[in-house]
Amino acid sequence: RSFLVRSAAAGAGLLLSPPLYAAEKKTDGNFWAFFSDTHIA
């Protein structure tokens, strides 16, 4: 719901990429991802 609201507000309509709300993947509670120094402009 919050994504649809944000998308509509941004003028993106209701276009969702197919995998976004497909069957949920299993979450591994012991798996964590480290990103660093993204430096986004």
PDB file of all heavy atoms in Angstrom:
ATOM      1  N   ARG A   1       0.825  -1.204   0.000  1.00  0.00           N
ATOM      2  CA  ARG A   1       0.000   0.000   0.000  1.00  0.00           C
ATOM      3  C   ARG A   1       0.862   1.258   0.000  1.00  0.00           C
ATOM      4  O   ARG A   1       0.636   2.175  -0.786  1.00  0.00           O
ATOM      5  CB  ARG A   1      -0.925   0.007   1.220  1.00  0.00           C
ATOM      6  CG  ARG A   1      -1.811   1.250   1.296  1.00  0.00           C
ATOM      7  CD  ARG A   1      -2.751   1.184   2.504  1.00  0.00           C
ATOM      8  NE  ARG A   1      -3.584   2.357   2.565  1.00  0.00           N
ATOM      9  CZ  ARG A   1      -3.199   3.521   3.096  1.00  0.00           C
ATOM     10  NH1 ARG A   1      -1.984   3.652   3.586  1.00  0.00           N
ATOM     11  NH2 ARG A   1      -4.016   4.549   3.128  1.00  0.00           N
ATOM     12  N   SER A   2       1.892   1.293   0.861  1.00  0.00           N
ATOM     13  CA  SER A   2       2.713   2.498   0.928  1.00  0.00           C
ATOM     14  C   SER A   2       3.488   2.703  -0.363  1.00  0.00           C
ATOM     15  O   SER A   2       3.723   3.826  -0.794  1.00  0.00           O
ATOM     16  CB  SER A   2       3.674   2.429   2.120  1.00  0.00           C
ATOM     17  OG  SER A   2       4.580   1.364   1.973  1.00  0.00           O
ATOM     18  N   PHE A   3       3.899   1.583  -1.024  1.00  0.00           N
ATOM     19  CA  PHE A   3       4.605   1.741  -2.293  1.00  0.00           C
ATOM     20  C   PHE A   3       3.685   2.313  -3.363  1.00  0.00           C
ATOM     21  O   PHE A   3       4.070   3.187  -4.133  1.00  0.00           O
ATOM     22  CB  PHE A   3       5.190   0.412  -2.753  1.00  0.00           C
ATOM     23  CG  PHE A   3       5.786   0.499  -4.133  1.00  0.00           C
ATOM     24  CD1 PHE A   3       6.883   1.308  -4.369  1.00  0.00           C
ATOM     25  CD2 PHE A   3       5.239  -0.203  -5.192  1.00  0.00           C
ATOM     26  CE1 PHE A   3       7.441   1.420  -5.630  1.00  0.00           C
ATOM     27  CE2 PHE A   3       5.792  -0.096  -6.458  1.00  0.00           C
ATOM     28  CZ  PHE A   3       6.888   0.711  -6.677  1.00  0.00           C
ATOM     29  N   LEU A   4       2.440   1.840  -3.409  1.00  0.00           N
ATOM     30  CA  LEU A   4       1.512   2.357  -4.399  1.00  0.00           C
ATOM     31  C   LEU A   4       1.250   3.835  -4.178  1.00  0.00           C
ATOM     32  O   LEU A   4       1.167   4.617  -5.125  1.00  0.00           O
ATOM     33  CB  LEU A   4       0.196   1.570  -4.340  1.00  0.00           C
ATOM     34  CG  LEU A   4       0.279   0.101  -4.777  1.00  0.00           C
ATOM     35  CD1 LEU A   4      -1.093  -0.553  -4.643  1.00  0.00           C
ATOM     36  CD2 LEU A   4       0.788  -0.031  -6.190  1.00  0.00           C
ATOM     37  N   VAL A   5       1.126   4.237  -2.917  1.00  0.00           N
ATOM     38  CA  VAL A   5       0.911   5.645  -2.616  1.00  0.00           C
ATOM     39  C   VAL A   5       2.100   6.473  -3.090  1.00  0.00           C
ATOM     40  O   VAL A   5       1.952   7.504  -3.732  1.00  0.00           O
ATOM     41  CB  VAL A   5       0.671   5.837  -1.102  1.00  0.00           C
ATOM     42  CG1 VAL A   5       0.724   7.322  -0.756  1.00  0.00           C
ATOM     43  CG2 VAL A   5      -0.667   5.244  -0.706  1.00  0.00           C
ATOM     44  N   ARG A   6       3.330   5.998  -2.793  1.00  0.00           N
ATOM     45  CA  ARG A   6       4.521   6.725  -3.214  1.00  0.00           C
ATOM     46  C   ARG A   6       4.620   6.772  -4.728  1.00  0.00           C
ATOM     47  O   ARG A   6       4.972   7.792  -5.316  1.00  0.00           O
ATOM     48  CB  ARG A   6       5.779   6.056  -2.646  1.00  0.00           C
ATOM     49  CG  ARG A   6       5.952   6.256  -1.152  1.00  0.00           C
ATOM     50  CD  ARG A   6       7.134   5.470  -0.645  1.00  0.00           C
ATOM     51  NE  ARG A   6       7.246   5.577   0.801  1.00  0.00           N
ATOM     52  CZ  ARG A   6       8.353   5.930   1.439  1.00  0.00           C
ATOM     53  NH1 ARG A   6       9.433   6.213   0.760  1.00  0.00           N
ATOM     54  NH2 ARG A   6       8.388   5.998   2.746  1.00  0.00           N
ATOM     55  N   SER A   7       4.315   5.661  -5.384  1.00  0.00           N
ATOM     56  CA  SER A   7       4.409   5.609  -6.843  1.00  0.00           C
ATOM     57  C   SER A   7       3.424   6.552  -7.492  1.00  0.00           C
ATOM     58  O   SER A   7       3.748   7.275  -8.428  1.00  0.00           O
ATOM     59  CB  SER A   7       4.163   4.174  -7.323  1.00  0.00           C
ATOM     60  OG  SER A   7       5.137   3.302  -6.821  1.00  0.00           O
ATOM     61  N   ALA A   8       2.196   6.585  -6.986  1.00  0.00           N
ATOM     62  CA  ALA A   8       1.182   7.472  -7.540  1.00  0.00           C
ATOM     63  C   ALA A   8       1.584   8.923  -7.342  1.00  0.00           C
ATOM     64  O   ALA A   8       1.448   9.762  -8.239  1.00  0.00           O
ATOM     65  CB  ALA A   8      -0.166   7.194  -6.890  1.00  0.00           C
ATOM     66  N   ALA A   9       2.124   9.214  -6.140  1.00  0.00           N
ATOM     67  CA  ALA A   9       2.538  10.584  -5.860  1.00  0.00           C
ATOM     68  C   ALA A   9       3.663  11.016  -6.782  1.00  0.00           C
ATOM     69  O   ALA A   9       3.793  12.185  -7.136  1.00  0.00           O
ATOM     70  CB  ALA A   9       2.975  10.711  -4.398  1.00  0.00           C
ATOM     71  N   ALA A  10       4.487  10.059  -7.178  1.00  0.00           N
ATOM     72  CA  ALA A  10       5.618  10.374  -8.059  1.00  0.00           C
ATOM     73  C   ALA A  10       5.241  10.334  -9.524  1.00  0.00           C
ATOM     74  O   ALA A  10       6.078  10.539 -10.390  1.00  0.00           O
ATOM     75  CB  ALA A  10       6.751   9.384  -7.795  1.00  0.00           C
ATOM     76  N   GLY A  11       3.970  10.030  -9.808  1.00  0.00           N
ATOM     77  CA  GLY A  11       3.537   9.979 -11.191  1.00  0.00           C
ATOM     78  C   GLY A  11       3.879   8.676 -11.866  1.00  0.00           C
ATOM     79  O   GLY A  11       3.850   8.579 -13.078  1.00  0.00           O
ATOM     80  N   ALA A  12       4.196   7.651 -11.062  1.00  0.00           N
ATOM     81  CA  ALA A  12       4.619   6.385 -11.649  1.00  0.00           C
ATOM     82  C   ALA A  12       3.453   5.463 -11.928  1.00  0.00           C
ATOM     83  O   ALA A  12       3.635   4.366 -12.429  1.00  0.00           O
ATOM     84  CB  ALA A  12       5.613   5.692 -10.710  1.00  0.00           C
ATOM     85  N   GLY A  13       2.262   5.882 -11.576  1.00  0.00           N
ATOM     86  CA  GLY A  13       1.102   5.030 -11.794  1.00  0.00           C
ATOM     87  C   GLY A  13       1.185   3.773 -10.967  1.00  0.00           C
ATOM     88  O   GLY A  13       1.731   3.762  -9.878  1.00  0.00           O
ATOM     89  N   LEU A  14       0.650   2.666 -11.486  1.00  0.00           N
ATOM     90  CA  LEU A  14       0.619   1.421 -10.741  1.00  0.00           C
ATOM     91  C   LEU A  14       1.468   0.363 -11.406  1.00  0.00           C
ATOM     92  O   LEU A  14       1.176  -0.821 -11.329  1.00  0.00           O
ATOM     93  CB  LEU A  14      -0.838   0.930 -10.616  1.00  0.00           C
ATOM     94  CG  LEU A  14      -1.806   1.923  -9.990  1.00  0.00           C
ATOM     95  CD1 LEU A  14      -3.190   1.279  -9.855  1.00  0.00           C
ATOM     96  CD2 LEU A  14      -1.328   2.376  -8.622  1.00  0.00           C
ATOM     97  N   LEU A  15       2.537   0.799 -12.057  1.00  0.00           N
ATOM     98  CA  LEU A  15       3.387  -0.154 -12.757  1.00  0.00           C
ATOM     99  C   LEU A  15       4.346  -0.810 -11.777  1.00  0.00           C
ATOM    100  O   LEU A  15       5.212  -0.156 -11.211  1.00  0.00           O
ATOM    101  CB  LEU A  15       4.184   0.564 -13.854  1.00  0.00           C
ATOM    102  CG  LEU A  15       3.339   1.201 -14.967  1.00  0.00           C
ATOM    103  CD1 LEU A  15       4.252   1.929 -15.938  1.00  0.00           C
ATOM    104  CD2 LEU A  15       2.527   0.128 -15.682  1.00  0.00           C
ATOM    105  N   LEU A  16       4.178  -2.106 -11.560  1.00  0.00           N
ATOM    106  CA  LEU A  16       5.035  -2.859 -10.658  1.00  0.00           C
ATOM    107  C   LEU A  16       5.809  -3.894 -11.447  1.00  0.00           C
ATOM    108  O   LEU A  16       5.266  -4.548 -12.317  1.00  0.00           O
ATOM    109  CB  LEU A  16       4.196  -3.575  -9.590  1.00  0.00           C
ATOM    110  CG  LEU A  16       3.251  -2.699  -8.755  1.00  0.00           C
ATOM    111  CD1 LEU A  16       2.532  -3.583  -7.758  1.00  0.00           C
ATOM    112  CD2 LEU A  16       4.018  -1.605  -8.052  1.00  0.00           C
ATOM    113  N   SER A  17       7.096  -4.036 -11.120  1.00  0.00           N
ATOM    114  CA  SER A  17       7.843  -5.097 -11.785  1.00  0.00           C
ATOM    115  C   SER A  17       7.339  -6.437 -11.286  1.00  0.00           C
ATOM    116  O   SER A  17       6.977  -6.579 -10.118  1.00  0.00           O
ATOM    117  CB  SER A  17       9.341  -4.937 -11.512  1.00  0.00           C
ATOM    118  OG  SER A  17       9.614  -4.938 -10.142  1.00  0.00           O
ATOM    119  N   PRO A  18       7.271  -7.448 -12.133  1.00  0.00           N
ATOM    120  CA  PRO A  18       6.616  -8.714 -11.815  1.00  0.00           C
ATOM    121  C   PRO A  18       7.062  -9.383 -10.523  1.00  0.00           C
ATOM    122  O   PRO A  18       6.211  -9.913  -9.811  1.00  0.00           O
ATOM    123  CB  PRO A  18       6.948  -9.583 -13.041  1.00  0.00           C
ATOM    124  CG  PRO A  18       7.157  -8.602 -14.138  1.00  0.00           C
ATOM    125  CD  PRO A  18       7.769  -7.403 -13.500  1.00  0.00           C
ATOM    126  N   PRO A  19       8.376  -9.392 -10.169  1.00  0.00           N
ATOM    127  CA  PRO A  19       8.746 -10.164  -8.997  1.00  0.00           C
ATOM    128  C   PRO A  19       8.438  -9.504  -7.669  1.00  0.00           C
ATOM    129  O   PRO A  19       8.569 -10.141  -6.625  1.00  0.00           O
ATOM    130  CB  PRO A  19      10.267 -10.337  -9.153  1.00  0.00           C
ATOM    131  CG  PRO A  19      10.703  -9.177  -9.952  1.00  0.00           C
ATOM    132  CD  PRO A  19       9.549  -8.858 -10.870  1.00  0.00           C
ATOM    133  N   LEU A  20       8.012  -8.228  -7.682  1.00  0.00           N
ATOM    134  CA  LEU A  20       7.932  -7.507  -6.424  1.00  0.00           C
ATOM    135  C   LEU A  20       6.993  -8.155  -5.425  1.00  0.00           C
ATOM    136  O   LEU A  20       7.299  -8.230  -4.236  1.00  0.00           O
ATOM    137  CB  LEU A  20       7.498  -6.063  -6.669  1.00  0.00           C
ATOM    138  CG  LEU A  20       8.533  -5.175  -7.345  1.00  0.00           C
ATOM    139  CD1 LEU A  20       8.009  -3.775  -7.473  1.00  0.00           C
ATOM    140  CD2 LEU A  20       9.838  -5.178  -6.554  1.00  0.00           C
ATOM    141  N   TYR A  21       5.840  -8.570  -5.886  1.00  0.00           N
ATOM    142  CA  TYR A  21       4.869  -9.128  -4.960  1.00  0.00           C
ATOM    143  C   TYR A  21       4.520 -10.561  -5.328  1.00  0.00           C
ATOM    144  O   TYR A  21       3.413 -11.020  -5.120  1.00  0.00           O
ATOM    145  CB  TYR A  21       3.632  -8.230  -4.898  1.00  0.00           C
ATOM    146  CG  TYR A  21       3.999  -6.870  -4.384  1.00  0.00           C
ATOM    147  CD1 TYR A  21       4.066  -5.771  -5.222  1.00  0.00           C
ATOM    148  CD2 TYR A  21       4.366  -6.703  -3.052  1.00  0.00           C
ATOM    149  CE1 TYR A  21       4.451  -4.540  -4.744  1.00  0.00           C
ATOM    150  CE2 TYR A  21       4.755  -5.472  -2.570  1.00  0.00           C
ATOM    151  CZ  TYR A  21       4.788  -4.393  -3.418  1.00  0.00           C
ATOM    152  OH  TYR A  21       5.187  -3.164  -2.950  1.00  0.00           O
ATOM    153  N   ALA A  22       5.474 -11.278  -5.884  1.00  0.00           N
ATOM    154  CA  ALA A  22       5.315 -12.701  -6.122  1.00  0.00           C
ATOM    155  C   ALA A  22       5.462 -13.411  -4.787  1.00  0.00           C
ATOM    156  O   ALA A  22       5.603 -12.780  -3.743  1.00  0.00           O
ATOM    157  CB  ALA A  22       6.372 -13.168  -7.113  1.00  0.00           C
ATOM    158  N   ALA A  23       5.430 -14.725  -4.827  1.00  0.00           N
ATOM    159  CA  ALA A  23       5.550 -15.485  -3.585  1.00  0.00           C
ATOM    160  C   ALA A  23       6.789 -15.049  -2.818  1.00  0.00           C
ATOM    161  O   ALA A  23       7.863 -14.878  -3.385  1.00  0.00           O
ATOM    162  CB  ALA A  23       5.639 -16.968  -3.919  1.00  0.00           C
ATOM    163  N   GLU A  24       6.626 -14.832  -1.536  1.00  0.00           N
ATOM    164  CA  GLU A  24       7.723 -14.347  -0.715  1.00  0.00           C
ATOM    165  C   GLU A  24       8.822 -15.402  -0.599  1.00  0.00           C
ATOM    166  O   GLU A  24       8.548 -16.584  -0.427  1.00  0.00           O
ATOM    167  CB  GLU A  24       7.211 -13.969   0.668  1.00  0.00           C
ATOM    168  CG  GLU A  24       6.278 -12.771   0.669  1.00  0.00           C
ATOM    169  CD  GLU A  24       5.895 -12.369   2.081  1.00  0.00           C
ATOM    170  OE1 GLU A  24       6.408 -13.004   3.026  1.00  0.00           O
ATOM    171  OE2 GLU A  24       5.093 -11.440   2.227  1.00  0.00           O
ATOM    172  N   LYS A  25      10.061 -14.919  -0.649  1.00  0.00           N
ATOM    173  CA  LYS A  25      11.184 -15.822  -0.441  1.00  0.00           C
ATOM    174  C   LYS A  25      11.352 -16.102   1.043  1.00  0.00           C
ATOM    175  O   LYS A  25      10.950 -15.308   1.889  1.00  0.00           O
ATOM    176  CB  LYS A  25      12.463 -15.189  -0.986  1.00  0.00           C
ATOM    177  CG  LYS A  25      12.507 -15.016  -2.481  1.00  0.00           C
ATOM    178  CD  LYS A  25      13.840 -14.418  -2.893  1.00  0.00           C
ATOM    179  CE  LYS A  25      13.925 -14.231  -4.397  1.00  0.00           C
ATOM    180  NZ  LYS A  25      15.219 -13.644  -4.802  1.00  0.00           N
ATOM    181  N   LYS A  26      11.995 -17.204   1.326  1.00  0.00           N
ATOM    182  CA  LYS A  26      12.311 -17.520   2.703  1.00  0.00           C
ATOM    183  C   LYS A  26      13.400 -16.583   3.198  1.00  0.00           C
ATOM    184  O   LYS A  26      14.363 -16.304   2.497  1.00  0.00           O
ATOM    185  CB  LYS A  26      12.787 -18.969   2.814  1.00  0.00           C
ATOM    186  CG  LYS A  26      13.115 -19.401   4.233  1.00  0.00           C
ATOM    187  CD  LYS A  26      13.570 -20.842   4.264  1.00  0.00           C
ATOM    188  CE  LYS A  26      13.943 -21.247   5.693  1.00  0.00           C
ATOM    189  NZ  LYS A  26      14.412 -22.663   5.744  1.00  0.00           N
ATOM    190  N   THR A  27      13.242 -16.076   4.417  1.00  0.00           N
ATOM    191  CA  THR A  27      14.248 -15.211   5.025  1.00  0.00           C
ATOM    192  C   THR A  27      15.158 -16.032   5.915  1.00  0.00           C
ATOM    193  O   THR A  27      14.698 -16.808   6.753  1.00  0.00           O
ATOM    194  CB  THR A  27      13.579 -14.105   5.863  1.00  0.00           C
ATOM    195  OG1 THR A  27      12.780 -13.282   5.010  1.00  0.00           O
ATOM    196  CG2 THR A  27      14.617 -13.247   6.561  1.00  0.00           C
ATOM    197  N   ASP A  28      16.455 -15.854   5.721  1.00  0.00           N
ATOM    198  CA  ASP A  28      17.446 -16.487   6.579  1.00  0.00           C
ATOM    199  C   ASP A  28      17.816 -15.483   7.667  1.00  0.00           C
ATOM    200  O   ASP A  28      18.482 -14.483   7.403  1.00  0.00           O
ATOM    201  CB  ASP A  28      18.678 -16.873   5.759  1.00  0.00           C
ATOM    202  CG  ASP A  28      19.749 -17.577   6.585  1.00  0.00           C
ATOM    203  OD1 ASP A  28      19.667 -17.556   7.821  1.00  0.00           O
ATOM    204  OD2 ASP A  28      20.680 -18.145   5.981  1.00  0.00           O
ATOM    205  N   GLY A  29      17.387 -15.731   8.887  1.00  0.00           N
ATOM    206  CA  GLY A  29      17.613 -14.791   9.981  1.00  0.00           C
ATOM    207  C   GLY A  29      19.061 -14.613  10.366  1.00  0.00           C
ATOM    208  O   GLY A  29      19.397 -13.679  11.105  1.00  0.00           O
ATOM    209  N   ASN A  30      19.940 -15.471   9.865  1.00  0.00           N
ATOM    210  CA  ASN A  30      21.367 -15.358  10.171  1.00  0.00           C
ATOM    211  C   ASN A  30      22.179 -14.767   9.015  1.00  0.00           C
ATOM    212  O   ASN A  30      23.399 -14.689   9.090  1.00  0.00           O
ATOM    213  CB  ASN A  30      21.931 -16.733  10.534  1.00  0.00           C
ATOM    214  CG  ASN A  30      21.304 -17.280  11.795  1.00  0.00           C
ATOM    215  OD1 ASN A  30      21.192 -16.580  12.800  1.00  0.00           O
ATOM    216  ND2 ASN A  30      20.873 -18.537  11.751  1.00  0.00           N
ATOM    217  N   PHE A  31      21.493 -14.374   7.955  1.00  0.00           N
ATOM    218  CA  PHE A  31      22.131 -13.800   6.768  1.00  0.00           C
ATOM    219  C   PHE A  31      21.899 -12.294   6.776  1.00  0.00           C
ATOM    220  O   PHE A  31      20.768 -11.824   6.851  1.00  0.00           O
ATOM    221  CB  PHE A  31      21.542 -14.483   5.534  1.00  0.00           C
ATOM    222  CG  PHE A  31      21.748 -13.792   4.206  1.00  0.00           C
ATOM    223  CD1 PHE A  31      22.805 -12.923   3.966  1.00  0.00           C
ATOM    224  CD2 PHE A  31      20.878 -14.063   3.152  1.00  0.00           C
ATOM    225  CE1 PHE A  31      22.971 -12.319   2.739  1.00  0.00           C
ATOM    226  CE2 PHE A  31      21.033 -13.458   1.910  1.00  0.00           C
ATOM    227  CZ  PHE A  31      22.082 -12.579   1.716  1.00  0.00           C
ATOM    228  N   TRP A  32      22.998 -11.535   6.701  1.00  0.00           N
ATOM    229  CA  TRP A  32      22.944 -10.080   6.659  1.00  0.00           C
ATOM    230  C   TRP A  32      23.795  -9.586   5.494  1.00  0.00           C
ATOM    231  O   TRP A  32      24.805 -10.194   5.162  1.00  0.00           O
ATOM    232  CB  TRP A  32      23.452  -9.476   7.969  1.00  0.00           C
ATOM    233  CG  TRP A  32      22.539  -9.789   9.114  1.00  0.00           C
ATOM    234  CD1 TRP A  32      22.500 -10.952   9.833  1.00  0.00           C
ATOM    235  CD2 TRP A  32      21.512  -8.961   9.636  1.00  0.00           C
ATOM    236  NE1 TRP A  32      21.509 -10.889  10.775  1.00  0.00           N
ATOM    237  CE2 TRP A  32      20.885  -9.676  10.685  1.00  0.00           C
ATOM    238  CE3 TRP A  32      21.063  -7.675   9.342  1.00  0.00           C
ATOM    239  CZ2 TRP A  32      19.837  -9.155  11.420  1.00  0.00           C
ATOM    240  CZ3 TRP A  32      20.014  -7.148  10.076  1.00  0.00           C
ATOM    241  CH2 TRP A  32      19.412  -7.884  11.098  1.00  0.00           C
ATOM    242  N   ALA A  33      23.384  -8.483   4.898  1.00  0.00           N
ATOM    243  CA  ALA A  33      24.120  -7.913   3.771  1.00  0.00           C
ATOM    244  C   ALA A  33      24.824  -6.640   4.211  1.00  0.00           C
ATOM    245  O   ALA A  33      24.228  -5.782   4.870  1.00  0.00           O
ATOM    246  CB  ALA A  33      23.171  -7.608   2.615  1.00  0.00           C
ATOM    247  N   PHE A  34      26.104  -6.525   3.838  1.00  0.00           N
ATOM    248  CA  PHE A  34      26.889  -5.329   4.113  1.00  0.00           C
ATOM    249  C   PHE A  34      27.129  -4.567   2.819  1.00  0.00           C
ATOM    250  O   PHE A  34      27.766  -5.089   1.893  1.00  0.00           O
ATOM    251  CB  PHE A  34      28.264  -5.687   4.695  1.00  0.00           C
ATOM    252  CG  PHE A  34      28.251  -6.313   6.054  1.00  0.00           C
ATOM    253  CD1 PHE A  34      29.155  -7.329   6.356  1.00  0.00           C
ATOM    254  CD2 PHE A  34      27.383  -5.895   7.041  1.00  0.00           C
ATOM    255  CE1 PHE A  34      29.181  -7.910   7.607  1.00  0.00           C
ATOM    256  CE2 PHE A  34      27.394  -6.469   8.303  1.00  0.00           C
ATOM    257  CZ  PHE A  34      28.295  -7.485   8.586  1.00  0.00           C
ATOM    258  N   PHE A  35      26.639  -3.326   2.741  1.00  0.00           N
ATOM    259  CA  PHE A  35      27.008  -2.382   1.695  1.00  0.00           C
ATOM    260  C   PHE A  35      27.835  -1.283   2.366  1.00  0.00           C
ATOM    261  O   PHE A  35      27.713  -1.049   3.567  1.00  0.00           O
ATOM    262  CB  PHE A  35      25.785  -1.715   1.056  1.00  0.00           C
ATOM    263  CG  PHE A  35      24.877  -2.615   0.255  1.00  0.00           C
ATOM    264  CD1 PHE A  35      25.087  -3.971   0.148  1.00  0.00           C
ATOM    265  CD2 PHE A  35      23.779  -2.067  -0.403  1.00  0.00           C
ATOM    266  CE1 PHE A  35      24.232  -4.784  -0.593  1.00  0.00           C
ATOM    267  CE2 PHE A  35      22.919  -2.860  -1.152  1.00  0.00           C
ATOM    268  CZ  PHE A  35      23.148  -4.224  -1.240  1.00  0.00           C
ATOM    269  N   SER A  36      28.656  -0.593   1.604  1.00  0.00           N
ATOM    270  CA  SER A  36      29.400   0.544   2.163  1.00  0.00           C
ATOM    271  C   SER A  36      29.828   1.482   1.056  1.00  0.00           C
ATOM    272  O   SER A  36      30.006   1.069  -0.096  1.00  0.00           O
ATOM    273  CB  SER A  36      30.635   0.045   2.926  1.00  0.00           C
ATOM    274  OG  SER A  36      31.277   1.115   3.603  1.00  0.00           O
ATOM    275  N   ASP A  37      29.983   2.748   1.409  1.00  0.00           N
ATOM    276  CA  ASP A  37      30.543   3.738   0.482  1.00  0.00           C
ATOM    277  C   ASP A  37      29.825   3.711  -0.863  1.00  0.00           C
ATOM    278  O   ASP A  37      30.425   3.497  -1.912  1.00  0.00           O
ATOM    279  CB  ASP A  37      32.046   3.491   0.308  1.00  0.00           C
ATOM    280  CG  ASP A  37      32.808   3.677   1.604  1.00  0.00           C
ATOM    281  OD1 ASP A  37      33.134   4.822   1.942  1.00  0.00           O
ATOM    282  OD2 ASP A  37      33.049   2.661   2.292  1.00  0.00           O
ATOM    283  N   THR A  38      28.524   3.969  -0.794  1.00  0.00           N
ATOM    284  CA  THR A  38      27.711   3.970  -2.012  1.00  0.00           C
ATOM    285  C   THR A  38      27.919   5.243  -2.838  1.00  0.00           C
ATOM    286  O   THR A  38      27.812   5.216  -4.058  1.00  0.00           O
ATOM    287  CB  THR A  38      26.226   3.825  -1.672  1.00  0.00           C
ATOM    288  OG1 THR A  38      25.859   4.845  -0.723  1.00  0.00           O
ATOM    289  CG2 THR A  38      25.939   2.462  -1.071  1.00  0.00           C
ATOM    290  N   HIS A  39      28.154   6.387  -2.169  1.00  0.00           N
ATOM    291  CA  HIS A  39      28.477   7.661  -2.824  1.00  0.00           C
ATOM    292  C   HIS A  39      27.482   8.018  -3.929  1.00  0.00           C
ATOM    293  O   HIS A  39      27.872   8.306  -5.076  1.00  0.00           O
ATOM    294  CB  HIS A  39      29.902   7.624  -3.391  1.00  0.00           C
ATOM    295  CG  HIS A  39      30.964   7.655  -2.343  1.00  0.00           C
ATOM    296  ND1 HIS A  39      31.283   8.794  -1.642  1.00  0.00           N
ATOM    297  CD2 HIS A  39      31.771   6.677  -1.854  1.00  0.00           C
ATOM    298  CE1 HIS A  39      32.248   8.519  -0.780  1.00  0.00           C
ATOM    299  NE2 HIS A  39      32.560   7.232  -0.883  1.00  0.00           N
ATOM    300  N   ILE A  40      26.217   8.037  -3.575  1.00  0.00           N
ATOM    301  CA  ILE A  40      25.180   8.333  -4.568  1.00  0.00           C
ATOM    302  C   ILE A  40      24.999   9.840  -4.742  1.00  0.00           C
ATOM    303  O   ILE A  40      24.851  10.579  -3.770  1.00  0.00           O
ATOM    304  CB  ILE A  40      23.850   7.682  -4.156  1.00  0.00           C
ATOM    305  CG1 ILE A  40      23.995   6.161  -4.117  1.00  0.00           C
ATOM    306  CG2 ILE A  40      22.739   8.098  -5.114  1.00  0.00           C
ATOM    307  CD1 ILE A  40      24.424   5.526  -5.432  1.00  0.00           C
ATOM    308  N   ALA A  41      25.031  10.276  -5.991  1.00  0.00           N
ATOM    309  CA  ALA A  41      24.823  11.683  -6.328  1.00  0.00           C
ATOM    310  C   ALA A  41      23.366  11.918  -6.724  1.00  0.00           C
ATOM    311  O   ALA A  41      22.633  10.972  -7.042  1.00  0.00           O
ATOM    312  CB  ALA A  41      25.748  12.084  -7.476  1.00  0.00           C
TER     313      ALA A  41
END
